[in-house]
Protein backbone atom coordinates (compact mmCIF):
# COMPACT_ATOMS: atom_id res chain seq x y z
CA MET A 1 90.54 -67.00 210.52
CA SER A 2 93.81 -68.74 209.66
CA GLN A 3 92.52 -69.51 206.18
CA SER A 4 91.91 -65.81 205.42
CA ILE A 5 95.45 -65.01 206.60
CA GLN A 6 96.73 -67.71 204.28
CA TYR A 7 94.90 -66.13 201.35
CA ALA A 8 96.18 -62.70 202.32
CA LEU A 9 99.76 -63.98 202.11
CA VAL A 10 99.46 -66.36 199.17
CA PHE A 11 97.36 -64.24 196.82
CA PRO A 12 99.87 -61.34 196.42
CA ALA A 13 102.72 -63.80 195.88
CA LEU A 14 100.67 -65.62 193.26
CA MET A 15 99.79 -62.36 191.51
CA LEU A 16 103.41 -61.18 191.50
CA SER A 17 104.64 -64.46 190.07
CA THR A 18 101.92 -64.37 187.38
CA LEU A 19 102.82 -60.80 186.40
CA GLY A 20 106.50 -61.75 186.41
CA ILE A 21 105.85 -64.61 184.01
CA ILE A 22 103.82 -62.34 181.73
CA GLN A 23 106.52 -59.65 181.81
CA ALA A 24 109.21 -62.22 181.01
CA GLY A 25 107.15 -63.40 178.05
CA VAL A 26 106.73 -59.84 176.75
CA TRP A 27 110.48 -59.23 177.12
CA ILE A 28 111.35 -62.45 175.26
CA HIS A 29 108.87 -61.54 172.51
CA GLY A 30 110.38 -58.07 172.12
CA ARG A 31 113.89 -59.49 172.00
CA GLN A 32 112.82 -61.98 169.33
CA VAL A 33 111.13 -59.25 167.25
CA LEU A 34 114.27 -57.09 167.35
CA SER A 35 116.45 -60.06 166.43
CA GLU A 36 114.22 -60.90 163.47
CA ALA A 37 114.22 -57.25 162.36
CA ALA A 38 118.03 -57.12 162.44
CA ASN A 39 118.32 -60.38 160.48
CA ALA A 40 115.76 -59.21 157.91
CA ALA A 41 117.49 -55.85 157.50
CA ALA A 42 120.86 -57.50 156.91
CA ASP A 43 119.31 -60.01 154.53
CA ALA A 44 117.45 -57.35 152.52
CA SER A 45 120.55 -55.14 152.25
CA ARG A 46 122.99 -57.84 151.20
CA SER A 47 121.88 -58.34 147.60
CA ALA A 48 124.00 -56.86 144.85
CA ASP A 49 121.42 -54.28 143.75
CA ALA A 50 120.00 -53.28 147.15
CA GLY A 51 121.12 -50.50 149.45
CA PRO A 52 120.86 -49.94 153.19
CA ALA A 53 117.47 -48.20 152.78
CA ALA A 54 115.78 -51.49 151.88
CA GLY A 55 116.87 -53.08 155.14
CA ASP A 56 115.93 -50.01 157.14
CA ALA A 57 112.36 -50.00 155.84
CA LEU A 58 111.90 -53.72 156.42
CA ALA A 59 113.26 -53.58 159.98
CA ARG A 60 110.96 -50.68 160.85
CA HIS A 61 107.96 -52.57 159.48
CA ILE A 62 108.77 -55.72 161.48
CA THR A 63 109.26 -53.81 164.73
CA GLU A 64 106.07 -51.81 164.20
CA VAL A 65 104.05 -55.00 163.72
CA GLY A 66 105.78 -56.58 166.72
CA GLY A 67 104.86 -53.74 169.07
CA VAL A 68 108.34 -52.29 169.62
CA ARG A 69 108.55 -48.51 170.09
CA ASP A 70 111.27 -45.87 169.64
CA VAL A 71 113.09 -47.90 167.00
CA VAL A 72 116.53 -46.92 165.75
CA VAL A 73 117.88 -48.84 162.75
CA ALA A 74 121.49 -48.63 161.55
CA VAL A 75 122.50 -50.55 158.44
CA SER A 76 126.07 -50.26 157.17
CA ARG A 77 127.31 -51.93 154.04
CA GLY A 78 130.97 -52.60 153.42
CA ARG A 79 132.70 -54.38 150.55
CA ALA A 80 132.36 -57.83 152.10
CA GLU A 81 129.59 -57.65 154.70
CA VAL A 82 126.43 -55.90 155.83
CA ARG A 83 125.89 -55.01 159.49
CA ALA A 84 122.43 -54.21 160.80
CA THR A 85 121.75 -52.98 164.32
CA VAL A 86 118.20 -52.45 165.59
CA THR A 87 117.45 -50.84 168.95
CA GLY A 88 113.97 -50.44 170.40
CA THR A 89 111.90 -50.11 173.54
CA ILE A 90 109.48 -52.83 174.54
CA PRO A 91 106.47 -52.09 176.75
CA LEU A 92 106.90 -53.60 180.23
CA PHE A 93 104.67 -53.37 183.31
CA PHE A 94 107.58 -52.67 185.64
CA ASP A 95 110.51 -51.14 183.84
CA LEU A 96 113.58 -52.38 185.65
CA ASP A 97 115.84 -50.79 183.01
CA LEU A 98 115.32 -53.84 180.79
CA SER A 99 112.99 -52.31 178.21
CA ARG A 100 115.70 -50.95 175.85
CA ILE A 101 117.04 -53.82 173.73
CA THR A 102 119.60 -53.91 170.93
CA ALA A 103 119.98 -56.69 168.37
CA SER A 104 122.46 -56.92 165.52
CA ALA A 105 123.14 -59.17 162.55
CA VAL A 106 125.95 -59.57 160.04
CA ALA A 107 125.60 -61.05 156.56
CA PRO A 108 127.97 -61.37 153.60
CA VAL A 109 127.37 -59.15 150.58
CA GLU A 110 126.29 -61.05 147.50
CA ARG A 111 128.75 -60.80 144.64
CA VAL A 112 128.12 -61.51 141.00
CA THR A 113 130.78 -63.73 139.51
CA THR A 114 131.16 -65.20 136.06
CA PRO A 115 131.47 -68.97 135.71
């Protein structure tokens, strides 16, 4: 009798901790995907002959492959630097208002100089 009560108390705690670990892993994966997408967008848009559209397309492809939904990509190019911001929603079991993540990256614009 006491053993069945033990299982009734331990099993839900074990299941919740297992789901929590899985959800944390999914959140970390989504955060990493968005960070990589922002870095790739800034890197693709920083060359002398590229525009912000190149970075936008690459970031959308990376987030699509990574399983991120509702992606918003903003790439702005100034004279000296490129800023890329990628926002997306990751699928979580229990959404505790943590599913919307934003990542950004800054890179210098390549300049052609004569020796």
